[in-house]
Each structure stands twice: as structure tokens, then as C-alpha cells.
Amino acid sequence: EIQVQMDPFGSRALITASVFSTLLALRAVKKKSLTPAGALAGFAVGFTLVATGLRGLTLFFFYQLGSWATKYKTSVKAALDETVATASVRGSSQVLAVSVL
């Protein structure tokens, strides 16, 4: 039986949080889905979530899945609904507002 343990705010959780949050914040800026301020807010939210342990890491992946689902087949969605944004760059206020939910 394999057990993965990641104590909240333990060394494994903090290292994992640092790596995941940094990589995704940099990727978001590179892909222009977040402003630099939005990426900083995303880093803070992501780091806090993942540092809390496996439950936070699971929630982090849930947010990422939602992001991928939003972008899936955007051209088809845009053809059906003209209110679909073709390119939206989100700032820190939007990142923090979504994280409160």
C-alpha cells in the first residue's frame, strides 16, 4: 500500500507549493492569460492552497481543470455566442475574487 503524506505547511507541502505556483504563474504571464499583478495574486493563492496539504493541492487542480474547460473549443463557443471573449487577460482583482468563492 502506497501512502502519500503531505503535512499542512510541512517542508514537502511548501516545496510543492513553491514549484507549482511559480511554474503556473510564469506560464500564465507567458500565455497572456494573467497580467503580472494577476500572476502574483495567483501565485499567492496557489501557494496558500497547496501549502495546506493534499486537500489544497486537489483544489488547485480543480481550479486548473476549470481554466482548461473554459478555454476548450473557444472558437465554437464564439460562433454560437458573440459575448464569448476571444482573449481575456485577467488581473489581480479577478484572481482574488474567484479565490474567495
PDB file of N, CA and C in Angstrom:
ATOM      1  N   GLU A   1       0.847  -1.178   0.000  1.00  0.00           N
ATOM      2  CA  GLU A   1       0.000   0.000   0.000  1.00  0.00           C
ATOM      3  C   GLU A   1       0.898   1.248   0.000  1.00  0.00           C
ATOM      4  N   ILE A   2       0.616   2.134  -0.918  1.00  0.00           N
ATOM      5  CA  ILE A   2       1.386   3.379  -1.021  1.00  0.00           C
ATOM      6  C   ILE A   2       0.595   4.500  -0.368  1.00  0.00           C
ATOM      7  N   GLN A   3       1.238   5.180   0.553  1.00  0.00           N
ATOM      8  CA  GLN A   3       0.604   6.313   1.198  1.00  0.00           C
ATOM      9  C   GLN A   3       1.436   7.559   0.940  1.00  0.00           C
ATOM     10  N   VAL A   4       0.761   8.588   0.481  1.00  0.00           N
ATOM     11  CA  VAL A   4       1.428   9.864   0.274  1.00  0.00           C
ATOM     12  C   VAL A   4       0.974  10.790   1.377  1.00  0.00           C
ATOM     13  N   GLN A   5       1.924  11.307   2.106  1.00  0.00           N
ATOM     14  CA  GLN A   5       1.584  12.204   3.203  1.00  0.00           C
ATOM     15  C   GLN A   5       2.204  13.567   2.928  1.00  0.00           C
ATOM     16  N   MET A   6       1.386  14.575   3.052  1.00  0.00           N
ATOM     17  CA  MET A   6       1.867  15.939   2.874  1.00  0.00           C
ATOM     18  C   MET A   6       1.248  16.772   3.985  1.00  0.00           C
ATOM     19  N   ASP A   7       1.997  16.941   5.057  1.00  0.00           N
ATOM     20  CA  ASP A   7       1.507  17.683   6.206  1.00  0.00           C
ATOM     21  C   ASP A   7       1.298  19.148   5.835  1.00  0.00           C
ATOM     22  N   PRO A   8       0.190  19.736   6.287  1.00  0.00           N
ATOM     23  CA  PRO A   8      -0.043  21.159   6.007  1.00  0.00           C
ATOM     24  C   PRO A   8       1.136  22.008   6.483  1.00  0.00           C
ATOM     25  N   PHE A   9       1.633  22.834   5.590  1.00  0.00           N
ATOM     26  CA  PHE A   9       2.754  23.737   5.839  1.00  0.00           C
ATOM     27  C   PHE A   9       4.029  23.010   6.255  1.00  0.00           C
ATOM     28  N   GLY A  10       4.110  21.712   5.948  1.00  0.00           N
ATOM     29  CA  GLY A  10       5.342  20.963   6.161  1.00  0.00           C
ATOM     30  C   GLY A  10       6.305  21.241   5.018  1.00  0.00           C
ATOM     31  N   SER A  11       7.509  20.717   5.121  1.00  0.00           N
ATOM     32  CA  SER A  11       8.523  21.015   4.106  1.00  0.00           C
ATOM     33  C   SER A  11       8.116  20.515   2.730  1.00  0.00           C
ATOM     34  N   ARG A  12       7.537  19.323   2.626  1.00  0.00           N
ATOM     35  CA  ARG A  12       7.095  18.795   1.328  1.00  0.00           C
ATOM     36  C   ARG A  12       5.994  19.682   0.736  1.00  0.00           C
ATOM     37  N   ALA A  13       5.066  20.114   1.553  1.00  0.00           N
ATOM     38  CA  ALA A  13       3.973  20.963   1.079  1.00  0.00           C
ATOM     39  C   ALA A  13       4.499  22.325   0.620  1.00  0.00           C
ATOM     40  N   LEU A  14       5.433  22.893   1.355  1.00  0.00           N
ATOM     41  CA  LEU A  14       5.976  24.206   0.991  1.00  0.00           C
ATOM     42  C   LEU A  14       6.791  24.148  -0.298  1.00  0.00           C
ATOM     43  N   ILE A  15       7.570  23.088  -0.473  1.00  0.00           N
ATOM     44  CA  ILE A  15       8.348  22.934  -1.711  1.00  0.00           C
ATOM     45  C   ILE A  15       7.418  22.722  -2.897  1.00  0.00           C
ATOM     46  N   THR A  16       6.440  21.841  -2.732  1.00  0.00           N
ATOM     47  CA  THR A  16       5.471  21.585  -3.798  1.00  0.00           C
ATOM     48  C   THR A  16       4.706  22.863  -4.143  1.00  0.00           C
ATOM     49  N   ALA A  17       4.292  23.603  -3.131  1.00  0.00           N
ATOM     50  CA  ALA A  17       3.563  24.852  -3.348  1.00  0.00           C
ATOM     51  C   ALA A  17       4.417  25.858  -4.106  1.00  0.00           C
ATOM     52  N   SER A  18       5.674  25.968  -3.744  1.00  0.00           N
ATOM     53  CA  SER A  18       6.569  26.909  -4.420  1.00  0.00           C
ATOM     54  C   SER A  18       6.744  26.554  -5.888  1.00  0.00           C
ATOM     55  N   VAL A  19       6.978  25.282  -6.165  1.00  0.00           N
ATOM     56  CA  VAL A  19       7.212  24.845  -7.543  1.00  0.00           C
ATOM     57  C   VAL A  19       5.959  25.021  -8.395  1.00  0.00           C
ATOM     58  N   PHE A  20       4.820  24.482  -7.951  1.00  0.00           N
ATOM     59  CA  PHE A  20       3.587  24.563  -8.728  1.00  0.00           C
ATOM     60  C   PHE A  20       3.170  26.011  -8.960  1.00  0.00           C
ATOM     61  N   SER A  21       3.180  26.801  -7.926  1.00  0.00           N
ATOM     62  CA  SER A  21       2.712  28.178  -8.029  1.00  0.00           C
ATOM     63  C   SER A  21       3.612  29.022  -8.925  1.00  0.00           C
ATOM     64  N   THR A  22       4.903  28.833  -8.801  1.00  0.00           N
ATOM     65  CA  THR A  22       5.842  29.582  -9.644  1.00  0.00           C
ATOM     66  C   THR A  22       5.671  29.214 -11.110  1.00  0.00           C
ATOM     67  N   LEU A  23       5.647  27.922 -11.402  1.00  0.00           N
ATOM     68  CA  LEU A  23       5.514  27.481 -12.790  1.00  0.00           C
ATOM     69  C   LEU A  23       4.212  27.961 -13.420  1.00  0.00           C
ATOM     70  N   LEU A  24       3.114  27.843 -12.690  1.00  0.00           N
ATOM     71  CA  LEU A  24       1.840  28.256 -13.270  1.00  0.00           C
ATOM     72  C   LEU A  24       1.714  29.772 -13.392  1.00  0.00           C
ATOM     73  N   ALA A  25       2.288  30.522 -12.474  1.00  0.00           N
ATOM     74  CA  ALA A  25       2.256  31.983 -12.594  1.00  0.00           C
ATOM     75  C   ALA A  25       3.073  32.434 -13.801  1.00  0.00           C
ATOM     76  N   LEU A  26       4.240  31.848 -13.984  1.00  0.00           N
ATOM     77  CA  LEU A  26       5.068  32.193 -15.141  1.00  0.00           C
ATOM     78  C   LEU A  26       4.389  31.797 -16.449  1.00  0.00           C
ATOM     79  N   ARG A  27       3.770  30.638 -16.458  1.00  0.00           N
ATOM     80  CA  ARG A  27       3.052  30.174 -17.652  1.00  0.00           C
ATOM     81  C   ARG A  27       1.879  31.094 -17.985  1.00  0.00           C
ATOM     82  N   ALA A  28       1.176  31.551 -16.966  1.00  0.00           N
ATOM     83  CA  ALA A  28       0.023  32.431 -17.188  1.00  0.00           C
ATOM     84  C   ALA A  28       0.444  33.764 -17.804  1.00  0.00           C
ATOM     85  N   VAL A  29       1.573  34.300 -17.359  1.00  0.00           N
ATOM     86  CA  VAL A  29       2.064  35.552 -17.930  1.00  0.00           C
ATOM     87  C   VAL A  29       2.537  35.325 -19.360  1.00  0.00           C
ATOM     88  N   LYS A  30       3.237  34.216 -19.586  1.00  0.00           N
ATOM     89  CA  LYS A  30       3.748  33.910 -20.923  1.00  0.00           C
ATOM     90  C   LYS A  30       2.607  33.729 -21.928  1.00  0.00           C
ATOM     91  N   LYS A  31       1.537  33.056 -21.509  1.00  0.00           N
ATOM     92  CA  LYS A  31       0.392  32.827 -22.391  1.00  0.00           C
ATOM     93  C   LYS A  31      -0.571  34.010 -22.421  1.00  0.00           C
ATOM     94  N   LYS A  32      -0.250  35.034 -21.651  1.00  0.00           N
ATOM     95  CA  LYS A  32      -1.049  36.256 -21.571  1.00  0.00           C
ATOM     96  C   LYS A  32      -2.481  36.005 -21.107  1.00  0.00           C
ATOM     97  N   SER A  33      -2.638  35.075 -20.170  1.00  0.00           N
ATOM     98  CA  SER A  33      -3.948  34.862 -19.566  1.00  0.00           C
ATOM     99  C   SER A  33      -4.081  35.638 -18.263  1.00  0.00           C
ATOM    100  N   LEU A  34      -2.937  36.063 -17.695  1.00  0.00           N
ATOM    101  CA  LEU A  34      -2.942  36.904 -16.496  1.00  0.00           C
ATOM    102  C   LEU A  34      -1.957  38.055 -16.684  1.00  0.00           C
ATOM    103  N   THR A  35      -2.309  39.184 -16.099  1.00  0.00           N
ATOM    104  CA  THR A  35      -1.361  40.292 -16.044  1.00  0.00           C
ATOM    105  C   THR A  35      -0.276  39.922 -15.026  1.00  0.00           C
ATOM    106  N   PRO A  36       0.841  40.644 -15.009  1.00  0.00           N
ATOM    107  CA  PRO A  36       1.840  40.355 -13.974  1.00  0.00           C
ATOM    108  C   PRO A  36       1.263  40.453 -12.554  1.00  0.00           C
ATOM    109  N   ALA A  37       0.398  41.432 -12.310  1.00  0.00           N
ATOM    110  CA  ALA A  37      -0.238  41.547 -10.993  1.00  0.00           C
ATOM    111  C   ALA A  37      -1.175  40.365 -10.743  1.00  0.00           C
ATOM    112  N   GLY A  38      -1.875  39.925 -11.779  1.00  0.00           N
ATOM    113  CA  GLY A  38      -2.743  38.758 -11.655  1.00  0.00           C
ATOM    114  C   GLY A  38      -1.955  37.492 -11.375  1.00  0.00           C
ATOM    115  N   ALA A  39      -0.783  37.377 -12.009  1.00  0.00           N
ATOM    116  CA  ALA A  39       0.077  36.218 -11.774  1.00  0.00           C
ATOM    117  C   ALA A  39       0.609  36.214 -10.342  1.00  0.00           C
ATOM    118  N   LEU A  40       0.939  37.398  -9.833  1.00  0.00           N
ATOM    119  CA  LEU A  40       1.404  37.491  -8.446  1.00  0.00           C
ATOM    120  C   LEU A  40       0.296  37.079  -7.478  1.00  0.00           C
ATOM    121  N   ALA A  41      -0.921  37.550  -7.740  1.00  0.00           N
ATOM    122  CA  ALA A  41      -2.061  37.151  -6.902  1.00  0.00           C
ATOM    123  C   ALA A  41      -2.313  35.651  -7.040  1.00  0.00           C
ATOM    124  N   GLY A  42      -2.216  35.138  -8.273  1.00  0.00           N
ATOM    125  CA  GLY A  42      -2.388  33.711  -8.498  1.00  0.00           C
ATOM    126  C   GLY A  42      -1.340  32.885  -7.783  1.00  0.00           C
ATOM    127  N   PHE A  43      -0.102  33.391  -7.783  1.00  0.00           N
ATOM    128  CA  PHE A  43       0.962  32.708  -7.047  1.00  0.00           C
ATOM    129  C   PHE A  43       0.615  32.633  -5.559  1.00  0.00           C
ATOM    130  N   ALA A  44       0.171  33.768  -5.002  1.00  0.00           N
ATOM    131  CA  ALA A  44      -0.145  33.812  -3.567  1.00  0.00           C
ATOM    132  C   ALA A  44      -1.284  32.855  -3.226  1.00  0.00           C
ATOM    133  N   VAL A  45      -2.320  32.866  -4.044  1.00  0.00           N
ATOM    134  CA  VAL A  45      -3.472  31.984  -3.800  1.00  0.00           C
ATOM    135  C   VAL A  45      -3.062  30.527  -3.979  1.00  0.00           C
ATOM    136  N   GLY A  46      -2.364  30.233  -5.078  1.00  0.00           N
ATOM    137  CA  GLY A  46      -1.930  28.865  -5.343  1.00  0.00           C
ATOM    138  C   GLY A  46      -0.985  28.340  -4.280  1.00  0.00           C
ATOM    139  N   PHE A  47      -0.040  29.169  -3.870  1.00  0.00           N
ATOM    140  CA  PHE A  47       0.904  28.762  -2.837  1.00  0.00           C
ATOM    141  C   PHE A  47       0.169  28.437  -1.542  1.00  0.00           C
ATOM    142  N   THR A  48      -0.761  29.297  -1.165  1.00  0.00           N
ATOM    143  CA  THR A  48      -1.516  29.081   0.073  1.00  0.00           C
ATOM    144  C   THR A  48      -2.333  27.796   0.003  1.00  0.00           C
ATOM    145  N   LEU A  49      -2.974  27.560  -1.145  1.00  0.00           N
ATOM    146  CA  LEU A  49      -3.775  26.346  -1.297  1.00  0.00           C
ATOM    147  C   LEU A  49      -2.920  25.093  -1.180  1.00  0.00           C
ATOM    148  N   VAL A  50      -1.849  25.043  -1.950  1.00  0.00           N
ATOM    149  CA  VAL A  50      -1.029  23.836  -1.985  1.00  0.00           C
ATOM    150  C   VAL A  50      -0.282  23.635  -0.668  1.00  0.00           C
ATOM    151  N   ALA A  51       0.135  24.710  -0.036  1.00  0.00           N
ATOM    152  CA  ALA A  51       0.870  24.595   1.231  1.00  0.00           C
ATOM    153  C   ALA A  51       0.006  23.998   2.342  1.00  0.00           C
ATOM    154  N   THR A  52      -1.310  24.032   2.189  1.00  0.00           N
ATOM    155  CA  THR A  52      -2.187  23.460   3.207  1.00  0.00           C
ATOM    156  C   THR A  52      -2.243  21.938   3.147  1.00  0.00           C
ATOM    157  N   GLY A  53      -1.635  21.345   2.135  1.00  0.00           N
ATOM    158  CA  GLY A  53      -1.580  19.891   2.058  1.00  0.00           C
ATOM    159  C   GLY A  53      -2.293  19.349   0.841  1.00  0.00           C
ATOM    160  N   LEU A  54      -2.581  18.046   0.874  1.00  0.00           N
ATOM    161  CA  LEU A  54      -3.174  17.376  -0.282  1.00  0.00           C
ATOM    162  C   LEU A  54      -4.554  17.915  -0.648  1.00  0.00           C
ATOM    163  N   ARG A  55      -5.320  18.317   0.335  1.00  0.00           N
ATOM    164  CA  ARG A  55      -6.648  18.864   0.046  1.00  0.00           C
ATOM    165  C   ARG A  55      -6.510  20.143  -0.786  1.00  0.00           C
ATOM    166  N   GLY A  56      -5.571  20.982  -0.424  1.00  0.00           N
ATOM    167  CA  GLY A  56      -5.328  22.200  -1.179  1.00  0.00           C
ATOM    168  C   GLY A  56      -4.790  21.918  -2.566  1.00  0.00           C
ATOM    169  N   LEU A  57      -3.931  20.894  -2.691  1.00  0.00           N
ATOM    170  CA  LEU A  57      -3.407  20.512  -3.993  1.00  0.00           C
ATOM    171  C   LEU A  57      -4.534  20.018  -4.893  1.00  0.00           C
ATOM    172  N   THR A  58      -5.463  19.276  -4.331  1.00  0.00           N
ATOM    173  CA  THR A  58      -6.631  18.816  -5.087  1.00  0.00           C
ATOM    174  C   THR A  58      -7.464  20.001  -5.558  1.00  0.00           C
ATOM    175  N   LEU A  59      -7.689  20.972  -4.706  1.00  0.00           N
ATOM    176  CA  LEU A  59      -8.446  22.162  -5.076  1.00  0.00           C
ATOM    177  C   LEU A  59      -7.711  22.957  -6.153  1.00  0.00           C
ATOM    178  N   PHE A  60      -6.397  23.018  -6.057  1.00  0.00           N
ATOM    179  CA  PHE A  60      -5.565  23.689  -7.053  1.00  0.00           C
ATOM    180  C   PHE A  60      -5.799  23.060  -8.426  1.00  0.00           C
ATOM    181  N   PHE A  61      -5.795  21.727  -8.497  1.00  0.00           N
ATOM    182  CA  PHE A  61      -6.038  21.045  -9.770  1.00  0.00           C
ATOM    183  C   PHE A  61      -7.470  21.259 -10.247  1.00  0.00           C
ATOM    184  N   PHE A  62      -8.414  21.363  -9.337  1.00  0.00           N
ATOM    185  CA  PHE A  62      -9.789  21.657  -9.713  1.00  0.00           C
ATOM    186  C   PHE A  62      -9.886  23.024 -10.401  1.00  0.00           C
ATOM    187  N   TYR A  63      -9.209  24.035  -9.853  1.00  0.00           N
ATOM    188  CA  TYR A  63      -9.178  25.356 -10.490  1.00  0.00           C
ATOM    189  C   TYR A  63      -8.552  25.280 -11.873  1.00  0.00           C
ATOM    190  N   GLN A  64      -7.467  24.511 -11.998  1.00  0.00           N
ATOM    191  CA  GLN A  64      -6.802  24.383 -13.293  1.00  0.00           C
ATOM    192  C   GLN A  64      -7.711  23.683 -14.298  1.00  0.00           C
ATOM    193  N   LEU A  65      -8.419  22.668 -13.877  1.00  0.00           N
ATOM    194  CA  LEU A  65      -9.358  21.968 -14.743  1.00  0.00           C
ATOM    195  C   LEU A  65     -10.443  22.932 -15.234  1.00  0.00           C
ATOM    196  N   GLY A  66     -10.930  23.785 -14.341  1.00  0.00           N
ATOM    197  CA  GLY A  66     -11.922  24.786 -14.724  1.00  0.00           C
ATOM    198  C   GLY A  66     -11.374  25.756 -15.760  1.00  0.00           C
ATOM    199  N   SER A  67     -10.118  26.126 -15.616  1.00  0.00           N
ATOM    200  CA  SER A  67      -9.484  27.014 -16.582  1.00  0.00           C
ATOM    201  C   SER A  67      -9.379  26.351 -17.949  1.00  0.00           C
ATOM    202  N   TRP A  68      -8.979  25.095 -17.956  1.00  0.00           N
ATOM    203  CA  TRP A  68      -8.891  24.366 -19.221  1.00  0.00           C
ATOM    204  C   TRP A  68     -10.272  24.210 -19.855  1.00  0.00           C
ATOM    205  N   ALA A  69     -11.283  23.920 -19.057  1.00  0.00           N
ATOM    206  CA  ALA A  69     -12.639  23.751 -19.575  1.00  0.00           C
ATOM    207  C   ALA A  69     -13.159  25.052 -20.177  1.00  0.00           C
ATOM    208  N   THR A  70     -12.813  26.170 -19.568  1.00  0.00           N
ATOM    209  CA  THR A  70     -13.244  27.464 -20.081  1.00  0.00           C
ATOM    210  C   THR A  70     -12.654  27.732 -21.461  1.00  0.00           C
ATOM    211  N   LYS A  71     -11.419  27.320 -21.673  1.00  0.00           N
ATOM    212  CA  LYS A  71     -10.732  27.582 -22.937  1.00  0.00           C
ATOM    213  C   LYS A  71     -11.016  26.528 -24.008  1.00  0.00           C
ATOM    214  N   TYR A  72     -11.611  25.420 -23.634  1.00  0.00           N
ATOM    215  CA  TYR A  72     -11.859  24.328 -24.576  1.00  0.00           C
ATOM    216  C   TYR A  72     -12.848  24.767 -25.657  1.00  0.00           C
ATOM    217  N   LYS A  73     -12.458  24.615 -26.885  1.00  0.00           N
ATOM    218  CA  LYS A  73     -13.286  24.933 -28.063  1.00  0.00           C
ATOM    219  C   LYS A  73     -13.849  26.353 -28.016  1.00  0.00           C
ATOM    220  N   THR A  74     -13.012  27.315 -27.705  1.00  0.00           N
ATOM    221  CA  THR A  74     -13.480  28.709 -27.647  1.00  0.00           C
ATOM    222  C   THR A  74     -13.973  29.202 -28.990  1.00  0.00           C
ATOM    223  N   SER A  75     -13.412  28.697 -30.092  1.00  0.00           N
ATOM    224  CA  SER A  75     -13.874  29.145 -31.413  1.00  0.00           C
ATOM    225  C   SER A  75     -15.311  28.692 -31.673  1.00  0.00           C
ATOM    226  N   VAL A  76     -15.666  27.498 -31.229  1.00  0.00           N
ATOM    227  CA  VAL A  76     -17.037  27.005 -31.387  1.00  0.00           C
ATOM    228  C   VAL A  76     -17.979  27.833 -30.517  1.00  0.00           C
ATOM    229  N   LYS A  77     -17.559  28.100 -29.280  1.00  0.00           N
ATOM    230  CA  LYS A  77     -18.383  28.907 -28.376  1.00  0.00           C
ATOM    231  C   LYS A  77     -18.567  30.316 -28.921  1.00  0.00           C
ATOM    232  N   ALA A  78     -17.505  30.889 -29.492  1.00  0.00           N
ATOM    233  CA  ALA A  78     -17.584  32.244 -30.030  1.00  0.00           C
ATOM    234  C   ALA A  78     -18.544  32.307 -31.208  1.00  0.00           C
ATOM    235  N   ALA A  79     -18.584  31.248 -32.009  1.00  0.00           N
ATOM    236  CA  ALA A  79     -19.501  31.215 -33.147  1.00  0.00           C
ATOM    237  C   ALA A  79     -20.955  31.142 -32.692  1.00  0.00           C
ATOM    238  N   LEU A  80     -21.198  30.504 -31.558  1.00  0.00           N
ATOM    239  CA  LEU A  80     -22.555  30.362 -31.044  1.00  0.00           C
ATOM    240  C   LEU A  80     -23.008  31.562 -30.215  1.00  0.00           C
ATOM    241  N   ASP A  81     -22.074  32.201 -29.566  1.00  0.00           N
ATOM    242  CA  ASP A  81     -22.409  33.307 -28.661  1.00  0.00           C
ATOM    243  C   ASP A  81     -21.393  34.420 -28.838  1.00  0.00           C
ATOM    244  N   GLU A  82     -21.823  35.549 -29.347  1.00  0.00           N
ATOM    245  CA  GLU A  82     -20.882  36.629 -29.615  1.00  0.00           C
ATOM    246  C   GLU A  82     -20.377  37.334 -28.363  1.00  0.00           C
ATOM    247  N   THR A  83     -20.905  36.974 -27.191  1.00  0.00           N
ATOM    248  CA  THR A  83     -20.405  37.587 -25.956  1.00  0.00           C
ATOM    249  C   THR A  83     -19.179  36.860 -25.406  1.00  0.00           C
ATOM    250  N   VAL A  84     -18.808  35.743 -26.033  1.00  0.00           N
ATOM    251  CA  VAL A  84     -17.631  34.994 -25.583  1.00  0.00           C
ATOM    252  C   VAL A  84     -16.393  35.806 -25.934  1.00  0.00           C
ATOM    253  N   ALA A  85     -15.583  36.039 -24.936  1.00  0.00           N
ATOM    254  CA  ALA A  85     -14.344  36.799 -25.158  1.00  0.00           C
ATOM    255  C   ALA A  85     -13.334  35.915 -25.872  1.00  0.00           C
ATOM    256  N   THR A  86     -12.736  36.442 -26.934  1.00  0.00           N
ATOM    257  CA  THR A  86     -11.738  35.659 -27.653  1.00  0.00           C
ATOM    258  C   THR A  86     -10.420  35.638 -26.901  1.00  0.00           C
ATOM    259  N   ALA A  87     -10.088  36.710 -26.226  1.00  0.00           N
ATOM    260  CA  ALA A  87      -8.848  36.752 -25.447  1.00  0.00           C
ATOM    261  C   ALA A  87      -9.086  37.650 -24.241  1.00  0.00           C
ATOM    262  N   SER A  88      -8.977  37.071 -23.078  1.00  0.00           N
ATOM    263  CA  SER A  88      -9.165  37.880 -21.882  1.00  0.00           C
ATOM    264  C   SER A  88      -7.967  37.704 -20.970  1.00  0.00           C
ATOM    265  N   VAL A  89      -7.402  38.807 -20.580  1.00  0.00           N
ATOM    266  CA  VAL A  89      -6.291  38.799 -19.645  1.00  0.00           C
ATOM    267  C   VAL A  89      -6.858  39.221 -18.304  1.00  0.00           C
ATOM    268  N   ARG A  90      -6.652  38.392 -17.319  1.00  0.00           N
ATOM    269  CA  ARG A  90      -7.236  38.656 -16.007  1.00  0.00           C
ATOM    270  C   ARG A  90      -6.219  39.293 -15.080  1.00  0.00           C
ATOM    271  N   GLY A  91      -6.712  40.200 -14.271  1.00  0.00           N
ATOM    272  CA  GLY A  91      -5.856  40.905 -13.327  1.00  0.00           C
ATOM    273  C   GLY A  91      -5.984  40.342 -11.916  1.00  0.00           C
ATOM    274  N   SER A  92      -5.318  41.002 -11.001  1.00  0.00           N
ATOM    275  CA  SER A  92      -5.291  40.520  -9.618  1.00  0.00           C
ATOM    276  C   SER A  92      -6.675  40.555  -8.969  1.00  0.00           C
ATOM    277  N   SER A  93      -7.472  41.574  -9.280  1.00  0.00           N
ATOM    278  CA  SER A  93      -8.802  41.641  -8.654  1.00  0.00           C
ATOM    279  C   SER A  93      -9.669  40.454  -9.072  1.00  0.00           C
ATOM    280  N   GLN A  94      -9.570  40.042 -10.331  1.00  0.00           N
ATOM    281  CA  GLN A  94     -10.351  38.889 -10.783  1.00  0.00           C
ATOM    282  C   GLN A  94      -9.836  37.593 -10.145  1.00  0.00           C
ATOM    283  N   VAL A  95      -8.535  37.463 -10.042  1.00  0.00           N
ATOM    284  CA  VAL A  95      -7.956  36.264  -9.418  1.00  0.00           C
ATOM    285  C   VAL A  95      -8.399  36.175  -7.959  1.00  0.00           C
ATOM    286  N   LEU A  96      -8.304  37.264  -7.243  1.00  0.00           N
ATOM    287  CA  LEU A  96      -8.689  37.254  -5.824  1.00  0.00           C
ATOM    288  C   LEU A  96     -10.189  37.062  -5.635  1.00  0.00           C
ATOM    289  N   ALA A  97     -10.988  37.642  -6.534  1.00  0.00           N
ATOM    290  CA  ALA A  97     -12.444  37.480  -6.435  1.00  0.00           C
ATOM    291  C   ALA A  97     -12.835  36.018  -6.617  1.00  0.00           C
ATOM    292  N   VAL A  98     -12.236  35.335  -7.567  1.00  0.00           N
ATOM    293  CA  VAL A  98     -12.548  33.927  -7.811  1.00  0.00           C
ATOM    294  C   VAL A  98     -12.043  33.072  -6.649  1.00  0.00           C
ATOM    295  N   SER A  99     -10.921  33.428  -6.063  1.00  0.00           N
ATOM    296  CA  SER A  99     -10.366  32.615  -4.973  1.00  0.00           C
ATOM    297  C   SER A  99     -11.205  32.713  -3.712  1.00  0.00           C
ATOM    298  N   VAL A 100     -11.965  33.774  -3.553  1.00  0.00           N
ATOM    299  CA  VAL A 100     -12.823  33.922  -2.379  1.00  0.00           C
ATOM    300  C   VAL A 100     -13.961  32.915  -2.444  1.00  0.00           C
ATOM    301  N   LEU A 101     -14.426  32.629  -3.656  1.00  0.00           N
ATOM    302  CA  LEU A 101     -15.516  31.678  -3.826  1.00  0.00           C
ATOM    303  C   LEU A 101     -15.073  30.317  -3.392  1.00  0.00           C
TER     304      LEU A 101
END
